[in-house]
C-alpha atoms as a PDB file:
ATOM      1  CA  MET A   1      -3.800  -4.847  -1.354  1.00  0.00           C
ATOM      2  CA  PRO A   2      -7.476  -3.956  -1.775  1.00  0.00           C
ATOM      3  CA  ILE A   3      -8.285  -2.863  -5.310  1.00  0.00           C
ATOM      4  CA  ASN A   4     -11.845  -1.797  -5.978  1.00  0.00           C
ATOM      5  CA  ASP A   5     -11.550  -0.895  -9.655  1.00  0.00           C
ATOM      6  CA  SER A   6     -11.326  -4.083 -11.761  1.00  0.00           C
ATOM      7  CA  SER A   7      -9.391  -2.263 -14.473  1.00  0.00           C
ATOM      8  CA  TYR A   8      -6.429  -2.176 -12.045  1.00  0.00           C
ATOM      9  CA  LYS A   9      -6.620  -5.805 -10.906  1.00  0.00           C
ATOM     10  CA  GLY A  10      -3.978  -8.225 -12.135  1.00  0.00           C
ATOM     11  CA  THR A  11      -5.073 -11.516 -13.671  1.00  0.00           C
ATOM     12  CA  GLU A  12      -4.611 -15.158 -12.801  1.00  0.00           C
ATOM     13  CA  ALA A  13      -3.461 -17.770 -15.348  1.00  0.00           C
ATOM     14  CA  ASP A  14      -7.106 -18.617 -16.119  1.00  0.00           C
ATOM     15  CA  GLY A  15      -7.900 -14.966 -16.912  1.00  0.00           C
ATOM     16  CA  SER A  16      -9.838 -14.271 -13.710  1.00  0.00           C
ATOM     17  CA  PHE A  17      -9.029 -11.177 -11.695  1.00  0.00           C
ATOM     18  CA  SER A  18      -6.482 -11.464  -8.909  1.00  0.00           C
ATOM     19  CA  VAL A  19      -7.805 -10.647  -5.466  1.00  0.00           C
ATOM     20  CA  ASP A  20      -4.290  -9.863  -4.251  1.00  0.00           C
ATOM     21  CA  TYR A  21      -2.330  -8.061  -6.961  1.00  0.00           C
ATOM     22  CA  CYS A  22      -2.607  -5.156  -9.389  1.00  0.00           C
ATOM     23  CA  ILE A  23      -1.881  -4.945 -13.128  1.00  0.00           C
ATOM     24  CA  TYR A  24       1.462  -3.298 -12.480  1.00  0.00           C
ATOM     25  CA  CYS A  25       2.977  -6.334 -10.773  1.00  0.00           C
ATOM     26  CA  TYR A  26       0.887  -9.400 -11.697  1.00  0.00           C
ATOM     27  CA  MET A  27      -0.532 -10.603 -15.016  1.00  0.00           C
ATOM     28  CA  GLN A  28      -1.604 -14.038 -16.290  1.00  0.00           C
ATOM     29  CA  GLY A  29      -0.663 -15.660 -12.991  1.00  0.00           C
ATOM     30  CA  ARG A  30       2.920 -14.360 -12.950  1.00  0.00           C
ATOM     31  CA  PHE A  31       4.755 -11.493 -11.349  1.00  0.00           C
ATOM     32  CA  MET A  32       5.909  -8.947 -13.930  1.00  0.00           C
ATOM     33  CA  GLN A  33       9.235  -8.511 -12.112  1.00  0.00           C
ATOM     34  CA  PRO A  34       9.762 -11.809 -10.261  1.00  0.00           C
ATOM     35  CA  ASN A  35      13.213 -10.900  -8.945  1.00  0.00           C
ATOM     36  CA  ILE A  36      12.486  -7.393  -7.677  1.00  0.00           C
ATOM     37  CA  SER A  37      13.328  -6.786  -4.024  1.00  0.00           C
ATOM     38  CA  PHE A  38      10.910  -5.365  -1.502  1.00  0.00           C
ATOM     39  CA  ASP A  39      12.902  -2.129  -1.267  1.00  0.00           C
ATOM     40  CA  GLU A  40      12.938  -1.738  -5.057  1.00  0.00           C
ATOM     41  CA  MET A  41       9.161  -2.272  -5.153  1.00  0.00           C
ATOM     42  CA  VAL A  42       8.676   0.373  -2.455  1.00  0.00           C
ATOM     43  CA  LYS A  43      10.733   2.901  -4.430  1.00  0.00           C
ATOM     44  CA  ILE A  44       8.785   2.245  -7.636  1.00  0.00           C
ATOM     45  CA  GLY A  45       5.445   2.559  -5.845  1.00  0.00           C
ATOM     46  CA  GLN A  46       6.399   5.737  -4.041  1.00  0.00           C
ATOM     47  CA  LYS A  47       7.686   7.257  -7.273  1.00  0.00           C
ATOM     48  CA  GLY A  48       4.335   6.468  -8.907  1.00  0.00           C
ATOM     49  CA  LEU A  49       2.478   8.049  -6.023  1.00  0.00           C
ATOM     50  CA  GLU A  50       4.636  11.155  -6.260  1.00  0.00           C
ATOM     51  CA  ALA A  51       3.815  11.494  -9.968  1.00  0.00           C
ATOM     52  CA  SER A  52       0.070  11.167  -9.357  1.00  0.00           C
ATOM     53  CA  ALA A  53      -2.339  14.081  -9.437  1.00  0.00           C
ATOM     54  CA  MET A  54      -3.604  13.594  -5.881  1.00  0.00           C
ATOM     55  CA  PRO A  55      -3.250  16.406  -3.329  1.00  0.00           C
ATOM     56  CA  LYS A  56       0.153  16.814  -1.642  1.00  0.00           C
ATOM     57  CA  PHE A  57      -0.999  15.767   1.837  1.00  0.00           C
ATOM     58  CA  GLN A  58      -2.739  12.677   0.469  1.00  0.00           C
ATOM     59  CA  LYS A  59       0.452  11.721  -1.414  1.00  0.00           C
ATOM     60  CA  TRP A  60       2.450  12.063   1.788  1.00  0.00           C
ATOM     61  CA  ILE A  61       0.087   9.756   3.686  1.00  0.00           C
ATOM     62  CA  PHE A  62      -0.027   7.161   0.893  1.00  0.00           C
ATOM     63  CA  LYS A  63       3.768   7.164   0.557  1.00  0.00           C
ATOM     64  CA  LYS A  64       4.095   6.533   4.300  1.00  0.00           C
ATOM     65  CA  LEU A  65       1.511   3.730   4.301  1.00  0.00           C
ATOM     66  CA  TYR A  66       2.634   2.047   1.080  1.00  0.00           C
ATOM     67  CA  PRO A  67       5.471  -0.045   2.609  1.00  0.00           C
ATOM     68  CA  MET A  68       3.107  -1.349   5.297  1.00  0.00           C
ATOM     69  CA  GLN A  69       0.546  -2.321   2.667  1.00  0.00           C
ATOM     70  CA  LEU A  70       3.183  -4.148   0.616  1.00  0.00           C
ATOM     71  CA  LYS A  71       4.402  -6.096   3.651  1.00  0.00           C
ATOM     72  CA  GLY A  72       0.876  -7.417   4.045  1.00  0.00           C
ATOM     73  CA  LEU A  73       0.912  -9.071   0.606  1.00  0.00           C
ATOM     74  CA  LYS A  74       1.538 -12.825   0.328  1.00  0.00           C
ATOM     75  CA  ARG A  75       4.485 -12.101  -1.965  1.00  0.00           C
ATOM     76  CA  TRP A  76       6.506 -10.430   0.785  1.00  0.00           C
ATOM     77  CA  LYS A  77       5.482 -12.546   3.786  1.00  0.00           C
ATOM     78  CA  LYS A  78       8.127 -14.964   4.946  1.00  0.00           C
END
C-alpha cells in the first residue's frame, strides 16, 4: 500500500523503512499480528477510517477501497 509519509512506514529487520507495510501492521521485519485473518484486518482498518477526522464522503470511499488495497499486498496474495 503506498505510504508517502515515512512516519507511517513499518520497518524491516535492519531498521530500513518497509516499502510495503505501515507501522500498524509491520515492525522490525515482522507482522504485529501474524495470525490475523484478512477479514479481521479489513474490520480493523475500516474502524480506524471511521474514527478519523476526514470528511464523511472521503471516509465512505476509503472504506470501500480499503479491502481492494489490502488484497494487493504481498501478505494476502496466494
